[in-house]
Amino acid sequence: MTSVRVRTGVLGLALLAGFVAPTTTATAAETVPSPTVEERRLDGAVPQEILRRSGFADAAPDFARALERAHSYAQARRAVAREGTRLWHRAVDRAQGRGPAGGDLSRDDDRPLYWARLGMTRELRSWEPDFRMGDRRRAGLLDELERASRGQTSVSHPRGEGVKRILVTGFDPFTLDRDIRVSNPSGAVALALDGTVIETADGPARVETAVFPVRWRDFTAGTVERALRPHLPGVDLFTTVSQGRVGRFDVERTNGAWRGGFGDNENIGRTETIPVADPASQPQWTSTTLPYARIVAADTGRFPVYDNTGVTEIPAGGTEPVVRPQGPTPGSTARAGGGGDYLSNEIAYRATLLRDRLGLHGRLPGGHVHTPVLQFGAGNTTEVTDPEFVRNRLDIVEQVRSIVTVAVSATGRTRG
């Protein structure tokens, strides 16, 4: 979605942690870094209530104890990977009804994972081990924790014929300074669908998911490509998912190579061409290969679904942005894709560009789906949840499941 849409009250989404390779030898002592902008929100009443009412308040203290048992960098790395993966699986299990709920917050809620992860990154950022670590090694541990706790290291599709392989991504909550209570339905989708099997007329389809942060710096560091590159050649369909417009789903037809500058979860904005590898061959536009006509025509749930073809461009030879309802014109420069100029558009652009650079454009259905904005019940300006809020999130999650089912059913045979 565009930053203009966000500023007028329409939420959009999308993104992940930058990788810094750890050194293999101990480095000089470091200055323990301060908490991040995201981590400083953690002590507010709302995040603490969400953690308490979901049973996730113990995640950061348990993680701190695991760190204290590590007496070498290798032990610390194993502990971080283990505990990060455990947090992801714990959130997935809770969302899918396995094990105790841990509190009265509805199981479909994506927010406990977000706030618990921040508690863990803050513990790791402030940890002073009894061995010499250094800035680069700490950054490597933080990277490991981010990836593991977002499901990015747990994607595992079955091999061989007979089962289609689907990859779906979601995002963290965002615009937290506007309303710290917000949930992101795309993150809830990821938790609800991870590891599940969808039955289609052509047989079963296994869904694997991952979640990305809402931070420009992670996208600049190539987090999308790093997470998706190992899997795109082997899947039968992928879709990135984010929160978009009020009251509607959109299948975004075209993605643009432009960042519009809206602030991320670190309150940082970026206004520039999306930075990618080999910029000399970078296109201004990429397009969906999802079966959008079949998706739009199907009865997938209570929200209408649109084939969104509009973009904003600077026409060839022009200097000012122009809205094009039917898509870009030849030689134009991108200023917003159908999904806008925020991280929703960027993850769609990066994922579809990666698809094309891997030579999969004509063989791999993939693109971006925007969900409706997840809204609280009328009059609720203070409570962290309410029945309408839960109903809206559950309906969005189930409609994404239906959309994925339609898309998978419209594709050909599985890729062995």
Protein backbone atom coordinates (compact mmCIF):
# COMPACT_ATOMS: atom_id res chain seq x y z
CA MET A 1 0.00 0.00 0.00
CA THR A 2 1.15 3.56 -0.50
CA SER A 3 2.44 5.81 2.21
CA VAL A 4 -0.39 8.17 1.24
CA ARG A 5 -2.87 5.43 2.03
CA VAL A 6 -1.19 4.79 5.36
CA ARG A 7 -1.29 8.46 6.27
CA THR A 8 -5.02 8.54 5.58
CA GLY A 9 -5.63 5.69 7.95
CA VAL A 10 -5.28 2.66 5.68
CA LEU A 11 -2.70 0.23 6.91
CA GLY A 12 -0.41 -1.65 4.56
CA LEU A 13 2.44 -4.10 5.29
CA ALA A 14 5.51 -6.06 5.18
CA LEU A 15 9.74 -7.52 5.82
CA LEU A 16 13.44 -9.15 7.98
CA ALA A 17 16.67 -9.11 9.95
CA GLY A 18 19.92 -8.17 8.19
CA PHE A 19 22.66 -10.73 8.18
CA VAL A 20 26.08 -10.03 9.56
CA ALA A 21 28.41 -13.00 9.42
CA PRO A 22 30.01 -13.80 12.76
CA THR A 23 33.74 -14.01 13.02
CA THR A 24 35.34 -17.29 14.00
CA THR A 25 37.71 -15.84 16.57
CA ALA A 26 37.12 -13.82 19.68
CA THR A 27 37.20 -10.06 19.17
CA ALA A 28 37.82 -7.14 21.43
CA ALA A 29 35.33 -6.31 24.14
CA GLU A 30 32.32 -4.32 23.01
CA THR A 31 30.05 -1.71 24.44
CA VAL A 32 26.73 -3.38 25.17
CA PRO A 33 24.24 -1.85 22.70
CA SER A 34 21.16 0.04 23.83
CA PRO A 35 17.66 -1.34 23.22
CA THR A 36 16.18 -0.60 19.81
CA VAL A 37 13.15 1.56 19.13
CA GLU A 38 11.03 -1.60 18.90
CA GLU A 39 12.43 -3.04 22.11
CA ARG A 40 11.76 0.16 24.04
CA ARG A 41 8.03 -0.22 23.37
CA LEU A 42 8.07 -3.55 25.16
CA ASP A 43 7.64 -2.18 28.69
CA GLY A 44 4.32 -0.55 27.91
CA ALA A 45 1.14 -1.80 29.52
CA VAL A 46 -0.30 -3.23 26.30
CA PRO A 47 2.67 -5.44 25.30
CA GLN A 48 2.93 -6.71 28.87
CA GLU A 49 -0.79 -7.54 28.94
CA ILE A 50 -0.55 -9.40 25.64
CA LEU A 51 2.39 -11.45 26.91
CA ARG A 52 0.69 -12.19 30.21
CA ARG A 53 -2.67 -13.15 28.67
CA SER A 54 -1.04 -15.49 26.13
CA GLY A 55 1.38 -17.26 28.45
CA PHE A 56 4.38 -15.86 26.56
CA ALA A 57 5.66 -13.68 29.42
CA ASP A 58 8.14 -16.42 30.30
CA ALA A 59 9.83 -16.48 26.88
CA ALA A 60 12.42 -13.76 27.52
CA PRO A 61 13.32 -14.86 31.09
CA ASP A 62 13.71 -18.47 29.92
CA PHE A 63 15.89 -17.30 27.06
CA ALA A 64 18.05 -15.25 29.43
CA ARG A 65 18.66 -18.35 31.53
CA ALA A 66 19.61 -20.33 28.42
CA LEU A 67 22.16 -17.66 27.53
CA GLU A 68 23.68 -17.79 30.99
CA ARG A 69 24.35 -21.49 30.52
CA ALA A 70 26.41 -20.77 27.40
CA HIS A 71 30.14 -20.44 28.10
CA SER A 72 31.41 -20.19 24.53
CA TYR A 73 30.28 -18.58 21.31
CA ALA A 74 29.47 -21.99 19.81
CA GLN A 75 27.27 -22.85 22.80
CA ALA A 76 25.58 -19.46 22.56
CA ARG A 77 24.87 -19.94 18.87
CA ARG A 78 23.28 -23.33 19.48
CA ALA A 79 21.19 -21.93 22.33
CA VAL A 80 19.99 -19.01 20.23
CA ALA A 81 19.01 -21.23 17.30
CA ARG A 82 17.26 -23.69 19.61
CA GLU A 83 15.32 -21.08 21.57
CA GLY A 84 14.39 -19.07 18.49
CA THR A 85 13.03 -22.16 16.76
CA ARG A 86 11.22 -23.13 19.94
CA LEU A 87 9.48 -19.75 20.07
CA TRP A 88 8.32 -20.09 16.47
CA HIS A 89 6.95 -23.60 17.01
CA ARG A 90 5.32 -22.53 20.27
CA ALA A 91 3.49 -19.71 18.47
CA VAL A 92 2.43 -22.02 15.63
CA ASP A 93 1.22 -24.68 18.06
CA ARG A 94 -0.79 -22.14 20.01
CA ALA A 95 -2.39 -20.75 16.84
CA GLN A 96 -3.27 -24.25 15.62
CA GLY A 97 -4.78 -25.41 18.93
CA ARG A 98 -2.02 -27.67 20.20
CA GLY A 99 -1.11 -27.57 23.87
CA PRO A 100 -2.38 -25.15 26.51
CA ALA A 101 -3.46 -21.68 25.42
CA GLY A 102 -1.51 -20.16 28.32
CA GLY A 103 -4.14 -17.48 28.93
CA ASP A 104 -7.44 -16.04 27.76
CA LEU A 105 -6.12 -14.26 24.65
CA SER A 106 -7.51 -15.96 21.55
CA ARG A 107 -5.23 -18.53 19.97
CA ASP A 108 -5.30 -16.87 16.53
CA ASP A 109 -3.42 -13.83 17.87
CA ASP A 110 -0.07 -13.07 16.19
CA ARG A 111 1.02 -10.45 18.72
CA PRO A 112 2.47 -12.75 21.43
CA LEU A 113 5.14 -13.92 18.98
CA TYR A 114 6.11 -10.37 18.08
CA TRP A 115 6.43 -9.09 21.64
CA ALA A 116 8.08 -12.26 22.95
CA ARG A 117 10.69 -12.05 20.20
CA LEU A 118 11.48 -8.46 21.14
CA GLY A 119 11.91 -9.53 24.75
CA MET A 120 14.41 -12.13 23.59
CA THR A 121 16.34 -9.79 21.30
CA ARG A 122 16.57 -7.27 24.13
CA GLU A 123 17.98 -9.95 26.44
CA LEU A 124 20.53 -10.95 23.82
CA ARG A 125 21.46 -7.35 23.07
CA SER A 126 22.21 -6.64 26.76
CA TRP A 127 23.80 -9.99 27.63
CA GLU A 128 27.35 -9.85 28.95
CA PRO A 129 28.81 -13.38 28.60
CA ASP A 130 31.86 -14.69 30.43
CA PHE A 131 33.72 -14.97 27.12
CA ARG A 132 34.80 -12.29 24.68
CA MET A 133 32.23 -11.83 21.97
CA GLY A 134 32.40 -8.47 20.18
CA ASP A 135 29.93 -6.56 18.05
CA ARG A 136 30.04 -8.78 14.97
CA ARG A 137 29.46 -11.96 16.91
CA ARG A 138 26.56 -10.43 18.82
CA ALA A 139 25.10 -9.31 15.50
CA GLY A 140 25.44 -12.86 14.23
CA LEU A 141 23.53 -14.19 17.23
CA LEU A 142 20.80 -11.58 16.78
CA ASP A 143 20.52 -12.58 13.14
CA GLU A 144 20.21 -16.24 14.09
CA LEU A 145 17.49 -15.43 16.62
CA GLU A 146 15.51 -13.31 14.16
CA ARG A 147 15.58 -15.94 11.42
CA ALA A 148 14.78 -18.90 13.68
CA SER A 149 11.95 -17.17 15.56
CA ARG A 150 10.34 -16.10 12.28
CA GLY A 151 10.16 -19.61 10.85
CA GLN A 152 12.69 -18.86 8.15
CA THR A 153 15.00 -21.69 9.15
CA SER A 154 12.13 -24.17 9.58
CA VAL A 155 10.71 -24.21 6.04
CA SER A 156 10.69 -27.88 5.02
CA HIS A 157 8.59 -29.15 2.13
CA PRO A 158 8.11 -32.81 1.25
CA ARG A 159 10.15 -34.15 -1.65
CA GLY A 160 8.94 -35.97 -4.72
CA GLU A 161 5.62 -36.14 -6.54
CA GLY A 162 2.11 -36.23 -5.17
CA VAL A 163 2.07 -33.24 -2.81
CA LYS A 164 2.15 -29.65 -3.99
CA ARG A 165 4.49 -27.32 -2.12
CA ILE A 166 3.25 -23.86 -1.14
CA LEU A 167 5.18 -20.99 0.47
CA VAL A 168 3.35 -18.14 2.23
CA THR A 169 4.86 -15.17 4.09
CA GLY A 170 3.44 -12.66 6.57
CA PHE A 171 4.62 -9.71 8.64
CA ASP A 172 4.95 -8.22 12.10
CA PRO A 173 2.48 -5.68 13.47
CA PHE A 174 3.32 -2.09 12.50
CA THR A 175 2.27 1.55 13.00
CA LEU A 176 2.68 0.79 16.71
CA ASP A 177 3.15 4.41 17.73
CA ARG A 178 -0.29 5.14 16.31
CA ASP A 179 -1.91 2.24 18.18
CA ILE A 180 0.31 -0.17 20.10
CA ARG A 181 -2.54 -2.70 20.26
CA VAL A 182 -2.40 -3.51 16.54
CA SER A 183 -2.23 -7.04 15.20
CA ASN A 184 -1.23 -8.00 11.68
CA PRO A 185 -3.54 -10.51 10.00
CA SER A 186 -0.76 -11.63 7.66
CA GLY A 187 1.27 -12.75 10.66
CA ALA A 188 -1.77 -14.60 11.98
CA VAL A 189 -2.10 -16.25 8.56
CA ALA A 190 1.50 -17.47 8.74
CA LEU A 191 0.98 -19.02 12.18
CA ALA A 192 -2.33 -20.63 11.24
CA LEU A 193 -1.12 -22.15 7.95
CA ASP A 194 2.43 -23.26 8.75
CA GLY A 195 2.85 -26.99 8.19
CA THR A 196 -0.80 -27.51 7.29
CA VAL A 197 -2.12 -29.53 4.36
CA ILE A 198 -4.78 -28.14 2.03
CA GLU A 199 -6.89 -30.66 0.17
CA THR A 200 -7.54 -29.74 -3.46
CA ALA A 201 -9.19 -31.50 -6.38
CA ASP A 202 -5.70 -32.37 -7.62
CA GLY A 203 -4.52 -33.76 -4.28
CA PRO A 204 -2.91 -32.40 -1.12
CA ALA A 205 -0.83 -29.24 -0.86
CA ARG A 206 1.59 -28.64 2.01
CA VAL A 207 1.96 -25.04 3.20
CA GLU A 208 5.12 -23.68 4.81
CA THR A 209 5.30 -20.12 6.11
CA ALA A 210 7.63 -17.46 7.50
CA VAL A 211 7.27 -13.96 8.94
CA PHE A 212 9.25 -10.81 8.09
CA PRO A 213 9.97 -7.63 10.07
CA VAL A 214 8.70 -4.18 9.14
CA ARG A 215 12.14 -2.60 8.82
CA TRP A 216 13.71 -1.02 5.76
CA ARG A 217 17.24 -1.99 6.79
CA ASP A 218 16.49 -5.70 6.72
CA PHE A 219 15.16 -5.50 3.19
CA THR A 220 18.21 -3.51 2.11
CA ALA A 221 20.36 -6.29 3.57
CA GLY A 222 18.62 -8.85 1.34
CA THR A 223 16.56 -10.68 3.92
CA VAL A 224 13.79 -11.55 1.45
CA GLU A 225 16.14 -13.02 -1.12
CA ARG A 226 18.12 -14.87 1.52
CA ALA A 227 14.99 -16.49 2.96
CA LEU A 228 13.24 -17.32 -0.33
CA ARG A 229 16.06 -18.21 -2.73
CA PRO A 230 16.60 -21.75 -1.38
CA HIS A 231 12.90 -22.59 -1.70
CA LEU A 232 11.45 -20.94 -4.82
CA PRO A 233 12.97 -23.45 -7.28
CA GLY A 234 11.22 -26.30 -5.47
CA VAL A 235 7.75 -24.91 -4.70
CA ASP A 236 4.61 -25.03 -6.82
CA LEU A 237 3.22 -21.66 -5.72
CA PHE A 238 4.15 -18.79 -3.41
CA THR A 239 2.41 -15.71 -2.15
CA THR A 240 3.58 -12.91 0.05
CA VAL A 241 0.75 -11.57 2.23
CA SER A 242 0.33 -8.26 4.04
CA GLN A 243 -2.36 -6.00 5.46
CA GLY A 244 -3.76 -3.57 2.92
CA ARG A 245 -7.04 -1.75 2.53
CA VAL A 246 -10.20 -1.52 4.61
CA GLY A 247 -12.85 -4.11 3.85
CA ARG A 248 -11.24 -5.84 0.85
CA PHE A 249 -8.66 -8.26 -0.43
CA ASP A 250 -6.47 -7.34 -3.38
CA VAL A 251 -4.38 -9.51 -5.67
CA GLU A 252 -1.70 -7.03 -6.71
CA ARG A 253 -1.06 -7.28 -10.45
CA THR A 254 2.10 -5.12 -10.66
CA ASN A 255 4.91 -4.27 -8.23
CA GLY A 256 7.10 -1.17 -8.50
CA ALA A 257 10.79 -0.55 -7.78
CA TRP A 258 10.24 2.43 -5.48
CA ARG A 259 10.29 3.16 -1.73
CA GLY A 260 7.95 5.93 -0.69
CA GLY A 261 9.55 6.80 2.64
CA PHE A 262 6.88 5.95 5.21
CA GLY A 263 8.37 5.21 8.65
CA ASP A 264 8.96 1.61 9.64
CA ASN A 265 8.92 -0.02 13.08
CA GLU A 266 12.20 1.76 13.88
CA ASN A 267 10.64 5.10 12.84
CA ILE A 268 12.97 5.29 9.85
CA GLY A 269 11.85 6.13 6.32
CA ARG A 270 13.50 5.46 2.96
CA THR A 271 12.72 7.29 -0.29
CA GLU A 272 14.66 5.73 -3.15
CA THR A 273 14.74 3.05 -5.79
CA ILE A 274 14.56 -0.36 -4.13
CA PRO A 275 18.18 -1.47 -3.74
CA VAL A 276 18.85 -4.91 -5.22
CA ALA A 277 21.82 -6.90 -6.47
CA ASP A 278 22.86 -6.10 -10.06
CA PRO A 279 20.97 -2.79 -10.27
CA ALA A 280 21.99 -2.38 -13.92
CA SER A 281 19.51 -5.12 -14.86
CA GLN A 282 16.83 -4.03 -12.39
CA PRO A 283 13.37 -3.58 -13.94
CA GLN A 284 11.01 -0.82 -12.88
CA TRP A 285 8.12 -3.27 -12.68
CA THR A 286 7.46 -6.92 -11.93
CA SER A 287 4.16 -8.74 -12.24
CA THR A 288 2.16 -11.43 -10.50
CA THR A 289 1.91 -14.93 -11.94
CA LEU A 290 -0.83 -15.94 -9.50
CA PRO A 291 -4.08 -17.05 -11.20
CA TYR A 292 -5.76 -13.76 -10.32
CA ALA A 293 -8.82 -14.21 -12.52
CA ARG A 294 -9.67 -17.53 -10.86
CA ILE A 295 -9.07 -16.08 -7.40
CA VAL A 296 -11.28 -13.04 -7.98
CA ALA A 297 -14.08 -15.14 -9.48
CA ALA A 298 -14.18 -17.64 -6.61
CA ASP A 299 -16.33 -17.39 -3.49
CA THR A 300 -13.55 -17.38 -0.89
CA GLY A 301 -15.18 -15.57 2.04
CA ARG A 302 -17.07 -12.52 3.29
CA PHE A 303 -14.64 -9.89 1.98
CA PRO A 304 -14.63 -8.95 -1.72
CA VAL A 305 -11.45 -9.79 -3.65
CA TYR A 306 -10.16 -7.48 -6.38
CA ASP A 307 -7.70 -7.79 -9.23
CA ASN A 308 -5.84 -4.56 -8.54
CA THR A 309 -4.19 -3.30 -11.72
CA GLY A 310 -3.42 0.30 -10.77
CA VAL A 311 0.05 1.82 -10.35
CA THR A 312 1.65 5.25 -10.04
CA GLU A 313 4.38 6.05 -12.57
CA ILE A 314 6.44 8.81 -14.08
CA PRO A 315 5.75 8.34 -17.79
CA ALA A 316 8.64 8.06 -20.24
CA GLY A 317 9.85 11.59 -20.91
CA GLY A 318 7.80 12.99 -18.02
CA THR A 319 8.70 14.44 -14.64
CA GLU A 320 5.55 14.14 -12.54
CA PRO A 321 3.85 11.02 -11.11
CA VAL A 322 0.67 9.86 -12.84
CA VAL A 323 -1.85 7.29 -11.60
CA ARG A 324 -2.46 4.54 -14.15
CA PRO A 325 -5.54 2.43 -13.28
CA GLN A 326 -4.67 -0.20 -15.92
CA GLY A 327 -0.99 -0.63 -15.13
CA PRO A 328 2.30 0.93 -16.24
CA THR A 329 3.06 2.27 -19.67
CA PRO A 330 6.24 1.39 -21.64
CA GLY A 331 9.42 3.03 -20.41
CA SER A 332 7.87 4.51 -17.28
CA THR A 333 9.54 4.90 -13.88
CA ALA A 334 7.85 3.35 -10.86
CA ARG A 335 6.50 5.45 -8.02
CA ALA A 336 4.02 2.92 -6.57
CA GLY A 337 2.96 -0.58 -7.45
CA GLY A 338 -0.54 -1.87 -6.96
CA GLY A 339 0.51 -2.57 -3.39
CA GLY A 340 1.83 0.97 -2.89
CA ASP A 341 5.35 2.09 -2.06
CA TYR A 342 5.85 0.59 1.40
CA LEU A 343 7.24 -2.79 2.45
CA SER A 344 4.18 -4.65 1.15
CA ASN A 345 5.08 -3.60 -2.35
CA GLU A 346 8.77 -4.20 -1.69
CA ILE A 347 8.43 -7.81 -0.58
CA ALA A 348 6.22 -8.46 -3.61
CA TYR A 349 8.74 -6.79 -5.90
CA ARG A 350 11.72 -8.63 -4.43
CA ALA A 351 10.01 -12.04 -4.41
CA THR A 352 8.78 -11.77 -8.00
CA LEU A 353 12.09 -10.32 -9.20
CA LEU A 354 13.85 -13.27 -7.58
CA ARG A 355 11.40 -15.61 -9.31
CA ASP A 356 12.24 -14.02 -12.65
CA ARG A 357 16.00 -13.98 -12.08
CA LEU A 358 15.82 -17.69 -11.26
CA GLY A 359 14.18 -18.24 -14.66
CA LEU A 360 10.85 -19.27 -13.15
CA HIS A 361 8.50 -16.59 -14.48
CA GLY A 362 6.62 -18.89 -16.84
CA ARG A 363 6.65 -21.90 -14.50
CA LEU A 364 6.04 -20.66 -10.95
CA PRO A 365 2.79 -18.96 -9.89
CA GLY A 366 3.65 -16.25 -7.37
CA GLY A 367 2.71 -12.78 -6.26
CA HIS A 368 1.19 -10.71 -3.49
CA VAL A 369 -2.16 -10.71 -1.67
CA HIS A 370 -3.29 -7.80 0.48
CA THR A 371 -5.74 -8.59 3.28
CA PRO A 372 -8.32 -6.21 4.73
CA VAL A 373 -7.24 -3.97 7.58
CA LEU A 374 -7.83 -5.77 10.87
CA GLN A 375 -10.20 -3.58 12.85
CA PHE A 376 -11.31 -3.53 16.47
CA GLY A 377 -14.98 -3.44 17.37
CA ALA A 378 -16.80 -0.13 17.24
CA GLY A 379 -15.97 2.03 20.24
CA ASN A 380 -13.00 -0.05 21.41
CA THR A 381 -10.13 2.40 21.80
CA THR A 382 -8.35 0.89 24.82
CA GLU A 383 -8.90 -2.88 25.13
CA VAL A 384 -6.33 -5.22 23.56
CA THR A 385 -9.03 -7.45 22.07
CA ASP A 386 -12.78 -7.78 21.58
CA PRO A 387 -15.15 -10.28 19.89
CA GLU A 388 -15.36 -8.38 16.60
CA PHE A 389 -11.57 -8.04 16.45
CA VAL A 390 -11.18 -11.80 16.89
CA ARG A 391 -13.93 -12.56 14.36
CA ASN A 392 -12.35 -10.26 11.79
CA ARG A 393 -8.95 -11.88 12.19
CA LEU A 394 -10.35 -15.43 12.00
CA ASP A 395 -12.36 -14.57 8.89
CA ILE A 396 -9.31 -13.03 7.20
CA VAL A 397 -7.17 -16.05 8.02
CA GLU A 398 -9.76 -18.48 6.66
CA GLN A 399 -10.26 -16.41 3.52
CA VAL A 400 -6.51 -16.45 2.82
CA ARG A 401 -6.63 -20.22 3.23
CA SER A 402 -9.45 -20.33 0.67
CA ILE A 403 -7.59 -18.02 -1.71
CA VAL A 404 -4.51 -20.23 -1.53
CA THR A 405 -6.67 -23.30 -2.14
CA VAL A 406 -8.17 -21.71 -5.27
CA ALA A 407 -4.74 -20.65 -6.50
CA VAL A 408 -3.24 -24.10 -5.95
CA SER A 409 -6.18 -25.80 -7.65
CA ALA A 410 -5.69 -23.56 -10.69
CA THR A 411 -2.07 -24.64 -11.16
CA GLY A 412 -0.77 -27.67 -13.00
CA ARG A 413 0.88 -30.83 -11.77
CA THR A 414 3.33 -30.87 -8.90
CA ARG A 415 6.98 -30.20 -9.54
CA GLY A 416 9.07 -33.18 -8.53
